[in-house]
PDB file of N, CA and C in Angstrom:
ATOM      1  N   UNK A   1      84.396  71.833  64.285  1.00  0.00           N
ATOM      2  CA  UNK A   1      83.084  71.251  64.502  1.00  0.00           C
ATOM      3  C   UNK A   1      83.242  69.853  65.102  1.00  0.00           C
ATOM      4  N   UNK A   2      82.447  69.548  66.097  1.00  0.00           N
ATOM      5  CA  UNK A   2      82.507  68.269  66.801  1.00  0.00           C
ATOM      6  C   UNK A   2      81.540  67.281  66.171  1.00  0.00           C
ATOM      7  N   UNK A   3      82.044  66.061  65.903  1.00  0.00           N
ATOM      8  CA  UNK A   3      81.170  65.010  65.379  1.00  0.00           C
ATOM      9  C   UNK A   3      80.463  64.315  66.546  1.00  0.00           C
ATOM     10  N   UNK A   4      79.452  63.526  66.236  1.00  0.00           N
ATOM     11  CA  UNK A   4      78.733  62.793  67.288  1.00  0.00           C
ATOM     12  C   UNK A   4      79.664  61.819  67.992  1.00  0.00           C
ATOM     13  N   UNK A   5      80.564  61.177  67.273  1.00  0.00           N
ATOM     14  CA  UNK A   5      81.497  60.231  67.894  1.00  0.00           C
ATOM     15  C   UNK A   5      82.417  60.949  68.878  1.00  0.00           C
ATOM     16  N   UNK A   6      82.892  62.123  68.494  1.00  0.00           N
ATOM     17  CA  UNK A   6      83.750  62.890  69.406  1.00  0.00           C
ATOM     18  C   UNK A   6      82.963  63.349  70.629  1.00  0.00           C
ATOM     19  N   UNK A   7      81.714  63.773  70.409  1.00  0.00           N
ATOM     20  CA  UNK A   7      80.866  64.211  71.513  1.00  0.00           C
ATOM     21  C   UNK A   7      80.644  63.062  72.502  1.00  0.00           C
ATOM     22  N   UNK A   8      80.394  61.852  71.991  1.00  0.00           N
ATOM     23  CA  UNK A   8      80.171  60.694  72.858  1.00  0.00           C
ATOM     24  C   UNK A   8      81.408  60.386  73.689  1.00  0.00           C
ATOM     25  N   UNK A   9      82.587  60.524  73.115  1.00  0.00           N
ATOM     26  CA  UNK A   9      83.826  60.283  73.863  1.00  0.00           C
ATOM     27  C   UNK A   9      84.005  61.314  74.969  1.00  0.00           C
ATOM     28  N   UNK A  10      83.574  62.533  74.738  1.00  0.00           N
ATOM     29  CA  UNK A  10      83.704  63.581  75.745  1.00  0.00           C
ATOM     30  C   UNK A  10      82.814  63.325  76.949  1.00  0.00           C
ATOM     31  N   UNK A  11      81.750  62.579  76.757  1.00  0.00           N
ATOM     32  CA  UNK A  11      80.785  62.328  77.828  1.00  0.00           C
ATOM     33  C   UNK A  11      81.144  61.090  78.648  1.00  0.00           C
ATOM     34  N   UNK A  12      82.429  60.773  78.722  1.00  0.00           N
ATOM     35  CA  UNK A  12      82.878  59.643  79.525  1.00  0.00           C
ATOM     36  C   UNK A  12      83.216  60.129  80.919  1.00  0.00           C
ATOM     37  N   UNK A  13      82.944  59.309  81.903  1.00  0.00           N
ATOM     38  CA  UNK A  13      83.214  59.714  83.275  1.00  0.00           C
ATOM     39  C   UNK A  13      83.897  58.585  84.025  1.00  0.00           C
ATOM     40  N   UNK A  14      84.588  58.960  85.081  1.00  0.00           N
ATOM     41  CA  UNK A  14      85.216  57.971  85.942  1.00  0.00           C
ATOM     42  C   UNK A  14      84.952  58.350  87.394  1.00  0.00           C
ATOM     43  N   UNK A  15      84.462  57.409  88.157  1.00  0.00           N
ATOM     44  CA  UNK A  15      84.280  57.562  89.591  1.00  0.00           C
ATOM     45  C   UNK A  15      85.300  56.683  90.290  1.00  0.00           C
ATOM     46  N   UNK A  16      85.943  57.179  91.318  1.00  0.00           N
ATOM     47  CA  UNK A  16      86.796  56.370  92.167  1.00  0.00           C
ATOM     48  C   UNK A  16      86.316  56.536  93.596  1.00  0.00           C
ATOM     49  N   UNK A  17      86.036  55.422  94.231  1.00  0.00           N
ATOM     50  CA  UNK A  17      85.550  55.422  95.605  1.00  0.00           C
ATOM     51  C   UNK A  17      86.625  54.760  96.461  1.00  0.00           C
ATOM     52  N   UNK A  18      87.154  55.497  97.429  1.00  0.00           N
ATOM     53  CA  UNK A  18      88.240  54.994  98.256  1.00  0.00           C
ATOM     54  C   UNK A  18      87.734  54.542  99.615  1.00  0.00           C
ATOM     55  N   UNK A  19      88.140  53.347  99.998  1.00  0.00           N
ATOM     56  CA  UNK A  19      87.981  52.853 101.371  1.00  0.00           C
ATOM     57  C   UNK A  19      86.599  53.069 101.971  1.00  0.00           C
ATOM     58  N   UNK A  20      85.584  52.660 101.243  1.00  0.00           N
ATOM     59  CA  UNK A  20      84.215  52.752 101.753  1.00  0.00           C
ATOM     60  C   UNK A  20      83.500  51.430 101.526  1.00  0.00           C
ATOM     61  N   UNK A  21      82.396  51.232 102.242  1.00  0.00           N
ATOM     62  CA  UNK A  21      81.566  50.052 101.999  1.00  0.00           C
ATOM     63  C   UNK A  21      80.209  50.422 101.420  1.00  0.00           C
ATOM     64  N   UNK A  22      79.851  51.696 101.454  1.00  0.00           N
ATOM     65  CA  UNK A  22      78.627  52.135 100.774  1.00  0.00           C
ATOM     66  C   UNK A  22      78.922  53.462 100.077  1.00  0.00           C
ATOM     67  N   UNK A  23      78.370  53.605  98.884  1.00  0.00           N
ATOM     68  CA  UNK A  23      78.643  54.796  98.078  1.00  0.00           C
ATOM     69  C   UNK A  23      77.613  54.900  96.974  1.00  0.00           C
ATOM     70  N   UNK A  24      77.648  56.020  96.240  1.00  0.00           N
ATOM     71  CA  UNK A  24      76.724  56.270  95.142  1.00  0.00           C
ATOM     72  C   UNK A  24      77.503  56.600  93.874  1.00  0.00           C
ATOM     73  N   UNK A  25      76.958  56.179  92.736  1.00  0.00           N
ATOM     74  CA  UNK A  25      77.521  56.494  91.421  1.00  0.00           C
ATOM     75  C   UNK A  25      76.389  57.073  90.583  1.00  0.00           C
ATOM     76  N   UNK A  26      76.666  58.166  89.872  1.00  0.00           N
ATOM     77  CA  UNK A  26      75.637  58.846  89.081  1.00  0.00           C
ATOM     78  C   UNK A  26      75.813  58.562  87.597  1.00  0.00           C
ATOM     79  N   UNK A  27      74.767  58.055  86.970  1.00  0.00           N
ATOM     80  CA  UNK A  27      74.713  57.867  85.526  1.00  0.00           C
ATOM     81  C   UNK A  27      73.843  58.991  84.973  1.00  0.00           C
ATOM     82  N   UNK A  28      74.469  59.991  84.366  1.00  0.00           N
ATOM     83  CA  UNK A  28      73.740  61.159  83.864  1.00  0.00           C
ATOM     84  C   UNK A  28      72.978  60.887  82.573  1.00  0.00           C
ATOM     85  N   UNK A  29      73.194  59.733  81.964  1.00  0.00           N
ATOM     86  CA  UNK A  29      72.459  59.393  80.754  1.00  0.00           C
ATOM     87  C   UNK A  29      71.046  58.948  81.084  1.00  0.00           C
ATOM     88  N   UNK A  30      70.239  58.768  80.035  1.00  0.00           N
ATOM     89  CA  UNK A  30      68.876  58.287  80.250  1.00  0.00           C
ATOM     90  C   UNK A  30      68.709  56.836  79.808  1.00  0.00           C
ATOM     91  N   UNK A  31      69.825  56.146  79.599  1.00  0.00           N
ATOM     92  CA  UNK A  31      69.831  54.749  79.168  1.00  0.00           C
ATOM     93  C   UNK A  31      70.535  53.911  80.237  1.00  0.00           C
ATOM     94  N   UNK A  32      69.945  52.782  80.657  1.00  0.00           N
ATOM     95  CA  UNK A  32      70.655  51.889  81.574  1.00  0.00           C
ATOM     96  C   UNK A  32      71.934  51.369  80.917  1.00  0.00           C
ATOM     97  N   UNK A  33      72.968  51.172  81.699  1.00  0.00           N
ATOM     98  CA  UNK A  33      74.246  50.689  81.169  1.00  0.00           C
ATOM     99  C   UNK A  33      74.413  49.226  81.531  1.00  0.00           C
ATOM    100  N   UNK A  34      74.428  48.391  80.512  1.00  0.00           N
ATOM    101  CA  UNK A  34      74.675  46.958  80.669  1.00  0.00           C
ATOM    102  C   UNK A  34      76.056  46.682  80.096  1.00  0.00           C
ATOM    103  N   UNK A  35      76.916  45.962  80.815  1.00  0.00           N
ATOM    104  CA  UNK A  35      78.303  45.794  80.362  1.00  0.00           C
ATOM    105  C   UNK A  35      78.468  45.037  79.052  1.00  0.00           C
ATOM    106  N   UNK A  36      77.446  44.312  78.599  1.00  0.00           N
ATOM    107  CA  UNK A  36      77.547  43.613  77.320  1.00  0.00           C
ATOM    108  C   UNK A  36      77.139  44.507  76.154  1.00  0.00           C
ATOM    109  N   UNK A  37      76.443  45.613  76.451  1.00  0.00           N
ATOM    110  CA  UNK A  37      75.912  46.470  75.394  1.00  0.00           C
ATOM    111  C   UNK A  37      76.561  47.842  75.335  1.00  0.00           C
ATOM    112  N   UNK A  38      77.064  48.334  76.454  1.00  0.00           N
ATOM    113  CA  UNK A  38      77.713  49.646  76.509  1.00  0.00           C
ATOM    114  C   UNK A  38      79.068  49.489  77.207  1.00  0.00           C
ATOM    115  N   UNK A  39      79.897  50.523  77.088  1.00  0.00           N
ATOM    116  CA  UNK A  39      81.202  50.513  77.745  1.00  0.00           C
ATOM    117  C   UNK A  39      81.017  50.686  79.249  1.00  0.00           C
ATOM    118  N   UNK A  40      81.508  49.721  80.017  1.00  0.00           N
ATOM    119  CA  UNK A  40      81.493  49.808  81.471  1.00  0.00           C
ATOM    120  C   UNK A  40      82.665  48.993  81.995  1.00  0.00           C
ATOM    121  N   UNK A  41      83.557  49.665  82.679  1.00  0.00           N
ATOM    122  CA  UNK A  41      84.717  49.001  83.277  1.00  0.00           C
ATOM    123  C   UNK A  41      84.723  49.320  84.762  1.00  0.00           C
ATOM    124  N   UNK A  42      84.752  48.275  85.585  1.00  0.00           N
ATOM    125  CA  UNK A  42      84.794  48.430  87.037  1.00  0.00           C
ATOM    126  C   UNK A  42      86.078  47.769  87.534  1.00  0.00           C
ATOM    127  N   UNK A  43      86.876  48.515  88.282  1.00  0.00           N
ATOM    128  CA  UNK A  43      88.115  48.007  88.846  1.00  0.00           C
ATOM    129  C   UNK A  43      87.987  47.996  90.368  1.00  0.00           C
ATOM    130  N   UNK A  44      88.269  46.846  90.963  1.00  0.00           N
ATOM    131  CA  UNK A  44      88.192  46.672  92.417  1.00  0.00           C
ATOM    132  C   UNK A  44      89.591  46.341  92.913  1.00  0.00           C
ATOM    133  N   UNK A  45      90.079  47.114  93.875  1.00  0.00           N
ATOM    134  CA  UNK A  45      91.422  46.868  94.406  1.00  0.00           C
ATOM    135  C   UNK A  45      91.499  47.311  95.857  1.00  0.00           C
ATOM    136  N   UNK A  46      92.620  47.009  96.478  1.00  0.00           N
ATOM    137  CA  UNK A  46      92.878  47.378  97.869  1.00  0.00           C
ATOM    138  C   UNK A  46      91.740  46.927  98.782  1.00  0.00           C
ATOM    139  N   UNK A  47      91.301  45.691  98.581  1.00  0.00           N
ATOM    140  CA  UNK A  47      90.240  45.111  99.404  1.00  0.00           C
ATOM    141  C   UNK A  47      90.837  44.744 100.761  1.00  0.00           C
ATOM    142  N   UNK A  48      90.190  45.152 101.821  1.00  0.00           N
ATOM    143  CA  UNK A  48      90.683  44.905 103.172  1.00  0.00           C
ATOM    144  C   UNK A  48      89.748  43.940 103.912  1.00  0.00           C
ATOM    145  N   UNK A  49      90.370  43.011 104.622  1.00  0.00           N
ATOM    146  CA  UNK A  49      89.678  42.098 105.535  1.00  0.00           C
ATOM    147  C   UNK A  49      88.577  41.289 104.860  1.00  0.00           C
ATOM    148  N   UNK A  50      88.885  40.715 103.715  1.00  0.00           N
ATOM    149  CA  UNK A  50      87.962  39.800 103.040  1.00  0.00           C
ATOM    150  C   UNK A  50      88.334  38.386 103.469  1.00  0.00           C
ATOM    151  N   UNK A  51      87.500  37.765 104.301  1.00  0.00           N
ATOM    152  CA  UNK A  51      87.826  36.455 104.865  1.00  0.00           C
ATOM    153  C   UNK A  51      87.379  35.289 103.985  1.00  0.00           C
ATOM    154  N   UNK A  52      86.172  35.385 103.408  1.00  0.00           N
ATOM    155  CA  UNK A  52      85.682  34.230 102.648  1.00  0.00           C
ATOM    156  C   UNK A  52      85.015  34.591 101.323  1.00  0.00           C
ATOM    157  N   UNK A  53      84.676  35.870 101.110  1.00  0.00           N
ATOM    158  CA  UNK A  53      84.051  36.285  99.857  1.00  0.00           C
ATOM    159  C   UNK A  53      84.132  37.811  99.752  1.00  0.00           C
ATOM    160  N   UNK A  54      83.782  38.321  98.573  1.00  0.00           N
ATOM    161  CA  UNK A  54      83.660  39.761  98.353  1.00  0.00           C
ATOM    162  C   UNK A  54      82.451  39.962  97.457  1.00  0.00           C
ATOM    163  N   UNK A  55      81.602  40.939  97.803  1.00  0.00           N
ATOM    164  CA  UNK A  55      80.401  41.183  97.009  1.00  0.00           C
ATOM    165  C   UNK A  55      80.185  42.672  96.810  1.00  0.00           C
ATOM    166  N   UNK A  56      79.902  43.049  95.569  1.00  0.00           N
ATOM    167  CA  UNK A  56      79.529  44.414  95.210  1.00  0.00           C
ATOM    168  C   UNK A  56      78.089  44.358  94.723  1.00  0.00           C
ATOM    169  N   UNK A  57      77.205  45.097  95.407  1.00  0.00           N
ATOM    170  CA  UNK A  57      75.779  45.035  95.096  1.00  0.00           C
ATOM    171  C   UNK A  57      75.255  46.426  94.748  1.00  0.00           C
ATOM    172  N   UNK A  58      74.572  46.530  93.595  1.00  0.00           N
ATOM    173  CA  UNK A  58      73.878  47.754  93.223  1.00  0.00           C
ATOM    174  C   UNK A  58      72.484  47.661  93.826  1.00  0.00           C
ATOM    175  N   UNK A  59      72.249  48.409  94.896  1.00  0.00           N
ATOM    176  CA  UNK A  59      70.972  48.364  95.598  1.00  0.00           C
ATOM    177  C   UNK A  59      69.840  48.980  94.777  1.00  0.00           C
ATOM    178  N   UNK A  60      70.189  49.815  93.803  1.00  0.00           N
ATOM    179  CA  UNK A  60      69.180  50.483  92.980  1.00  0.00           C
ATOM    180  C   UNK A  60      68.491  49.511  92.035  1.00  0.00           C
ATOM    181  N   UNK A  61      69.235  48.619  91.406  1.00  0.00           N
ATOM    182  CA  UNK A  61      68.622  47.708  90.436  1.00  0.00           C
ATOM    183  C   UNK A  61      68.803  46.225  90.781  1.00  0.00           C
ATOM    184  N   UNK A  62      69.487  45.930  91.883  1.00  0.00           N
ATOM    185  CA  UNK A  62      69.607  44.547  92.343  1.00  0.00           C
ATOM    186  C   UNK A  62      70.696  43.724  91.703  1.00  0.00           C
ATOM    187  N   UNK A  63      71.519  44.299  90.826  1.00  0.00           N
ATOM    188  CA  UNK A  63      72.586  43.512  90.217  1.00  0.00           C
ATOM    189  C   UNK A  63      73.705  43.288  91.235  1.00  0.00           C
ATOM    190  N   UNK A  64      74.328  42.102  91.148  1.00  0.00           N
ATOM    191  CA  UNK A  64      75.326  41.691  92.140  1.00  0.00           C
ATOM    192  C   UNK A  64      76.521  41.059  91.442  1.00  0.00           C
ATOM    193  N   UNK A  65      77.720  41.448  91.884  1.00  0.00           N
ATOM    194  CA  UNK A  65      78.950  40.763  91.501  1.00  0.00           C
ATOM    195  C   UNK A  65      79.553  40.195  92.771  1.00  0.00           C
ATOM    196  N   UNK A  66      79.851  38.893  92.769  1.00  0.00           N
ATOM    197  CA  UNK A  66      80.380  38.241  93.964  1.00  0.00           C
ATOM    198  C   UNK A  66      81.565  37.365  93.610  1.00  0.00           C
ATOM    199  N   UNK A  67      82.628  37.491  94.403  1.00  0.00           N
ATOM    200  CA  UNK A  67      83.781  36.602  94.330  1.00  0.00           C
ATOM    201  C   UNK A  67      83.570  35.560  95.415  1.00  0.00           C
ATOM    202  N   UNK A  68      83.627  34.281  95.059  1.00  0.00           N
ATOM    203  CA  UNK A  68      83.297  33.196  95.984  1.00  0.00           C
ATOM    204  C   UNK A  68      84.490  32.706  96.798  1.00  0.00           C
ATOM    205  N   UNK A  69      85.449  33.561  97.012  1.00  0.00           N
ATOM    206  CA  UNK A  69      86.610  33.253  97.853  1.00  0.00           C
ATOM    207  C   UNK A  69      87.143  34.565  98.409  1.00  0.00           C
ATOM    208  N   UNK A  70      88.054  34.468  99.368  1.00  0.00           N
ATOM    209  CA  UNK A  70      88.645  35.675  99.943  1.00  0.00           C
ATOM    210  C   UNK A  70      89.421  36.440  98.869  1.00  0.00           C
ATOM    211  N   UNK A  71      89.414  37.760  98.973  1.00  0.00           N
ATOM    212  CA  UNK A  71      90.142  38.632  98.056  1.00  0.00           C
ATOM    213  C   UNK A  71      91.241  39.327  98.856  1.00  0.00           C
ATOM    214  N   UNK A  72      92.466  39.295  98.353  1.00  0.00           N
ATOM    215  CA  UNK A  72      93.576  39.919  99.076  1.00  0.00           C
ATOM    216  C   UNK A  72      93.728  41.384  98.673  1.00  0.00           C
ATOM    217  N   UNK A  73      94.441  42.130  99.484  1.00  0.00           N
ATOM    218  CA  UNK A  73      94.632  43.556  99.187  1.00  0.00           C
ATOM    219  C   UNK A  73      95.592  43.785  98.030  1.00  0.00           C
ATOM    220  N   UNK A  74      96.263  42.731  97.551  1.00  0.00           N
ATOM    221  CA  UNK A  74      97.158  42.882  96.399  1.00  0.00           C
ATOM    222  C   UNK A  74      96.476  42.513  95.086  1.00  0.00           C
ATOM    223  N   UNK A  75      95.254  41.986  95.152  1.00  0.00           N
ATOM    224  CA  UNK A  75      94.511  41.632  93.943  1.00  0.00           C
ATOM    225  C   UNK A  75      93.881  42.862  93.310  1.00  0.00           C
ATOM    226  N   UNK A  76      93.878  42.881  91.988  1.00  0.00           N
ATOM    227  CA  UNK A  76      93.131  43.882  91.226  1.00  0.00           C
ATOM    228  C   UNK A  76      92.160  43.123  90.341  1.00  0.00           C
ATOM    229  N   UNK A  77      90.872  43.275  90.632  1.00  0.00           N
ATOM    230  CA  UNK A  77      89.822  42.599  89.874  1.00  0.00           C
ATOM    231  C   UNK A  77      89.211  43.604  88.917  1.00  0.00           C
ATOM    232  N   UNK A  78      89.118  43.220  87.646  1.00  0.00           N
ATOM    233  CA  UNK A  78      88.593  44.120  86.619  1.00  0.00           C
ATOM    234  C   UNK A  78      87.414  43.454  85.926  1.00  0.00           C
ATOM    235  N   UNK A  79      86.285  44.155  85.920  1.00  0.00           N
ATOM    236  CA  UNK A  79      85.116  43.758  85.137  1.00  0.00           C
ATOM    237  C   UNK A  79      85.082  44.698  83.945  1.00  0.00           C
ATOM    238  N   UNK A  80      85.444  44.203  82.782  1.00  0.00           N
ATOM    239  CA  UNK A  80      85.522  45.022  81.574  1.00  0.00           C
ATOM    240  C   UNK A  80      84.596  44.403  80.534  1.00  0.00           C
ATOM    241  N   UNK A  81      83.381  44.933  80.470  1.00  0.00           N
ATOM    242  CA  UNK A  81      82.379  44.307  79.610  1.00  0.00           C
ATOM    243  C   UNK A  81      82.121  42.905  80.120  1.00  0.00           C
ATOM    244  N   UNK A  82      82.159  41.887  79.247  1.00  0.00           N
ATOM    245  CA  UNK A  82      81.902  40.515  79.682  1.00  0.00           C
ATOM    246  C   UNK A  82      83.122  39.811  80.273  1.00  0.00           C
ATOM    247  N   UNK A  83      84.254  40.491  80.338  1.00  0.00           N
ATOM    248  CA  UNK A  83      85.496  39.879  80.814  1.00  0.00           C
ATOM    249  C   UNK A  83      85.757  40.228  82.272  1.00  0.00           C
ATOM    250  N   UNK A  84      86.092  39.201  83.057  1.00  0.00           N
ATOM    251  CA  UNK A  84      86.437  39.398  84.462  1.00  0.00           C
ATOM    252  C   UNK A  84      87.830  38.821  84.669  1.00  0.00           C
ATOM    253  N   UNK A  85      88.745  39.661  85.181  1.00  0.00           N
ATOM    254  CA  UNK A  85      90.105  39.210  85.438  1.00  0.00           C
ATOM    255  C   UNK A  85      90.525  39.569  86.857  1.00  0.00           C
ATOM    256  N   UNK A  86      91.493  38.813  87.360  1.00  0.00           N
ATOM    257  CA  UNK A  86      92.143  39.120  88.623  1.00  0.00           C
ATOM    258  C   UNK A  86      93.634  39.122  88.353  1.00  0.00           C
ATOM    259  N   UNK A  87      94.259  40.262  88.537  1.00  0.00           N
ATOM    260  CA  UNK A  87      95.689  40.431  88.232  1.00  0.00           C
ATOM    261  C   UNK A  87      96.015  39.954  86.816  1.00  0.00           C
ATOM    262  N   UNK A  88      95.105  40.234  85.885  1.00  0.00           N
ATOM    263  CA  UNK A  88      95.327  39.931  84.477  1.00  0.00           C
ATOM    264  C   UNK A  88      94.941  38.531  84.035  1.00  0.00           C
ATOM    265  N   UNK A  89      94.528  37.660  84.965  1.00  0.00           N
ATOM    266  CA  UNK A  89      94.162  36.288  84.618  1.00  0.00           C
ATOM    267  C   UNK A  89      92.642  36.129  84.667  1.00  0.00           C
ATOM    268  N   UNK A  90      92.111  35.244  83.795  1.00  0.00           N
ATOM    269  CA  UNK A  90      90.676  35.009  83.763  1.00  0.00           C
ATOM    270  C   UNK A  90      90.181  34.598  85.145  1.00  0.00           C
ATOM    271  N   UNK A  91      89.058  35.177  85.567  1.00  0.00           N
ATOM    272  CA  UNK A  91      88.593  34.996  86.942  1.00  0.00           C
ATOM    273  C   UNK A  91      87.107  34.663  87.022  1.00  0.00           C
ATOM    274  N   UNK A  92      86.448  34.502  85.895  1.00  0.00           N
ATOM    275  CA  UNK A  92      85.006  34.294  85.862  1.00  0.00           C
ATOM    276  C   UNK A  92      84.565  33.101  86.695  1.00  0.00           C
ATOM    277  N   UNK A  93      85.295  31.998  86.640  1.00  0.00           N
ATOM    278  CA  UNK A  93      84.866  30.769  87.314  1.00  0.00           C
ATOM    279  C   UNK A  93      84.825  30.886  88.836  1.00  0.00           C
ATOM    280  N   UNK A  94      85.511  31.887  89.391  1.00  0.00           N
ATOM    281  CA  UNK A  94      85.531  32.058  90.847  1.00  0.00           C
ATOM    282  C   UNK A  94      84.519  33.104  91.314  1.00  0.00           C
ATOM    283  N   UNK A  95      83.580  33.450  90.431  1.00  0.00           N
ATOM    284  CA  UNK A  95      82.562  34.454  90.752  1.00  0.00           C
ATOM    285  C   UNK A  95      81.165  33.847  90.618  1.00  0.00           C
ATOM    286  N   UNK A  96      80.162  34.647  90.920  1.00  0.00           N
ATOM    287  CA  UNK A  96      78.772  34.232  90.721  1.00  0.00           C
ATOM    288  C   UNK A  96      78.349  34.367  89.263  1.00  0.00           C
ATOM    289  N   UNK A  97      79.260  34.815  88.411  1.00  0.00           N
ATOM    290  CA  UNK A  97      79.012  35.045  86.982  1.00  0.00           C
ATOM    291  C   UNK A  97      77.965  36.138  86.764  1.00  0.00           C
ATOM    292  N   UNK A  98      77.845  37.016  87.769  1.00  0.00           N
ATOM    293  CA  UNK A  98      76.928  38.146  87.687  1.00  0.00           C
ATOM    294  C   UNK A  98      77.670  39.405  87.272  1.00  0.00           C
ATOM    295  N   UNK A  99      76.947  40.355  86.716  1.00  0.00           N
ATOM    296  CA  UNK A  99      77.532  41.596  86.243  1.00  0.00           C
ATOM    297  C   UNK A  99      76.752  42.784  86.779  1.00  0.00           C
ATOM    298  N   UNK A 100      77.462  43.844  87.065  1.00  0.00           N
ATOM    299  CA  UNK A 100      76.857  45.071  87.569  1.00  0.00           C
ATOM    300  C   UNK A 100      76.307  45.878  86.400  1.00  0.00           C
ATOM    301  N   UNK A 101      75.099  46.387  86.558  1.00  0.00           N
ATOM    302  CA  UNK A 101      74.496  47.312  85.602  1.00  0.00           C
ATOM    303  C   UNK A 101      74.265  48.642  86.306  1.00  0.00           C
ATOM    304  N   UNK A 102      74.217  49.718  85.535  1.00  0.00           N
ATOM    305  CA  UNK A 102      73.942  51.049  86.077  1.00  0.00           C
ATOM    306  C   UNK A 102      72.615  51.557  85.533  1.00  0.00           C
ATOM    307  N   UNK A 103      71.743  51.971  86.417  1.00  0.00           N
ATOM    308  CA  UNK A 103      70.475  52.583  86.025  1.00  0.00           C
ATOM    309  C   UNK A 103      70.685  54.072  85.798  1.00  0.00           C
ATOM    310  N   UNK A 104      69.818  54.736  85.044  1.00  0.00           N
ATOM    311  CA  UNK A 104      69.907  56.196  84.927  1.00  0.00           C
ATOM    312  C   UNK A 104      69.739  56.843  86.308  1.00  0.00           C
ATOM    313  N   UNK A 105      70.463  57.921  86.547  1.00  0.00           N
ATOM    314  CA  UNK A 105      70.385  58.608  87.839  1.00  0.00           C
ATOM    315  C   UNK A 105      71.347  58.011  88.850  1.00  0.00           C
ATOM    316  N   UNK A 106      71.011  58.212  90.128  1.00  0.00           N
ATOM    317  CA  UNK A 106      71.870  57.714  91.207  1.00  0.00           C
ATOM    318  C   UNK A 106      71.739  56.214  91.376  1.00  0.00           C
ATOM    319  N   UNK A 107      72.880  55.549  91.571  1.00  0.00           N
ATOM    320  CA  UNK A 107      72.949  54.124  91.853  1.00  0.00           C
ATOM    321  C   UNK A 107      73.625  53.969  93.213  1.00  0.00           C
ATOM    322  N   UNK A 108      72.931  53.340  94.155  1.00  0.00           N
ATOM    323  CA  UNK A 108      73.464  53.120  95.498  1.00  0.00           C
ATOM    324  C   UNK A 108      74.139  51.752  95.564  1.00  0.00           C
ATOM    325  N   UNK A 109      75.379  51.727  96.061  1.00  0.00           N
ATOM    326  CA  UNK A 109      76.161  50.502  96.137  1.00  0.00           C
ATOM    327  C   UNK A 109      76.500  50.165  97.573  1.00  0.00           C
ATOM    328  N   UNK A 110      76.649  48.855  97.809  1.00  0.00           N
ATOM    329  CA  UNK A 110      77.081  48.356  99.100  1.00  0.00           C
ATOM    330  C   UNK A 110      78.110  47.258  98.856  1.00  0.00           C
ATOM    331  N   UNK A 111      79.165  47.248  99.671  1.00  0.00           N
ATOM    332  CA  UNK A 111      80.175  46.198  99.638  1.00  0.00           C
ATOM    333  C   UNK A 111      79.939  45.286 100.833  1.00  0.00           C
ATOM    334  N   UNK A 112      79.947  43.987 100.572  1.00  0.00           N
ATOM    335  CA  UNK A 112      79.813  42.983 101.624  1.00  0.00           C
ATOM    336  C   UNK A 112      81.039  42.072 101.591  1.00  0.00           C
ATOM    337  N   UNK A 113      81.383  41.501 102.745  1.00  0.00           N
ATOM    338  CA  UNK A 113      82.480  40.545 102.816  1.00  0.00           C
ATOM    339  C   UNK A 113      83.851  41.178 102.940  1.00  0.00           C
ATOM    340  N   UNK A 114      83.909  42.482 103.141  1.00  0.00           N
ATOM    341  CA  UNK A 114      85.183  43.184 103.318  1.00  0.00           C
ATOM    342  C   UNK A 114      84.921  44.451 104.124  1.00  0.00           C
ATOM    343  N   UNK A 115      85.939  44.925 104.814  1.00  0.00           N
ATOM    344  CA  UNK A 115      85.756  46.140 105.615  1.00  0.00           C
ATOM    345  C   UNK A 115      85.841  47.398 104.773  1.00  0.00           C
ATOM    346  N   UNK A 116      86.529  47.315 103.623  1.00  0.00           N
ATOM    347  CA  UNK A 116      86.612  48.456 102.707  1.00  0.00           C
ATOM    348  C   UNK A 116      87.325  48.031 101.431  1.00  0.00           C
ATOM    349  N   UNK A 117      87.203  48.860 100.399  1.00  0.00           N
ATOM    350  CA  UNK A 117      87.836  48.591  99.111  1.00  0.00           C
ATOM    351  C   UNK A 117      87.862  49.883  98.301  1.00  0.00           C
ATOM    352  N   UNK A 118      88.712  49.904  97.291  1.00  0.00           N
ATOM    353  CA  UNK A 118      88.721  50.991  96.322  1.00  0.00           C
ATOM    354  C   UNK A 118      88.067  50.466  95.052  1.00  0.00           C
ATOM    355  N   UNK A 119      87.047  51.188  94.576  1.00  0.00           N
ATOM    356  CA  UNK A 119      86.291  50.758  93.395  1.00  0.00           C
ATOM    357  C   UNK A 119      86.283  51.910  92.392  1.00  0.00           C
ATOM    358  N   UNK A 120      86.645  51.607  91.150  1.00  0.00           N
ATOM    359  CA  UNK A 120      86.642  52.609  90.081  1.00  0.00           C
ATOM    360  C   UNK A 120      85.619  52.217  89.024  1.00  0.00           C
ATOM    361  N   UNK A 121      84.819  53.178  88.604  1.00  0.00           N
ATOM    362  CA  UNK A 121      83.840  52.992  87.536  1.00  0.00           C
ATOM    363  C   UNK A 121      84.253  53.863  86.367  1.00  0.00           C
ATOM    364  N   UNK A 122      84.372  53.288  85.194  1.00  0.00           N
ATOM    365  CA  UNK A 122      84.729  54.019  83.981  1.00  0.00           C
ATOM    366  C   UNK A 122      83.657  53.712  82.942  1.00  0.00           C
ATOM    367  N   UNK A 123      82.871  54.722  82.577  1.00  0.00           N
ATOM    368  CA  UNK A 123      81.766  54.504  81.644  1.00  0.00           C
ATOM    369  C   UNK A 123      81.393  55.814  80.972  1.00  0.00           C
ATOM    370  N   UNK A 124      80.578  55.686  79.921  1.00  0.00           N
ATOM    371  CA  UNK A 124      80.053  56.848  79.201  1.00  0.00           C
ATOM    372  C   UNK A 124      78.584  57.019  79.547  1.00  0.00           C
ATOM    373  N   UNK A 125      78.098  58.235  79.351  1.00  0.00           N
ATOM    374  CA  UNK A 125      76.671  58.500  79.464  1.00  0.00           C
ATOM    375  C   UNK A 125      76.040  58.234  78.099  1.00  0.00           C
ATOM    376  N   UNK A 126      74.922  57.546  78.086  1.00  0.00           N
ATOM    377  CA  UNK A 126      74.217  57.236  76.836  1.00  0.00           C
ATOM    378  C   UNK A 126      72.835  57.870  76.876  1.00  0.00           C
ATOM    379  N   UNK A 127      72.427  58.397  75.715  1.00  0.00           N
ATOM    380  CA  UNK A 127      71.141  59.079  75.590  1.00  0.00           C
ATOM    381  C   UNK A 127      70.377  58.540  74.387  1.00  0.00           C
ATOM    382  N   UNK A 128      69.063  58.481  74.501  1.00  0.00           N
ATOM    383  CA  UNK A 128      68.200  58.137  73.368  1.00  0.00           C
ATOM    384  C   UNK A 128      67.405  59.354  72.976  1.00  0.00           C
TER     385      UNK A 128
END
């Protein structure tokens, strides 16, 4: 018999988007995902041609994460709940201090300030 905690763990999903500047992520739950309240980990890596900034924008709900300097293709930026790191070091001060949220259903994303990047979303679906 499956407990509710086990069921919730089974409903975890991961999206990986390779070398694109626009893409969609689906939140099958009926609850918006805020990184301070629910599990949400976003990993950004292999950023190409970032000259002065990097920005990830959720066009569906208007949330924006921006790095206020160029991002190299060897950097791995991780947004894990309220923590933002670059190659394992605290990185919050070099950002807009904004966080990405996911709305229920499809979320349309756009990358600005780079020609392409690999972005991974790791989160659970939440239901009320």
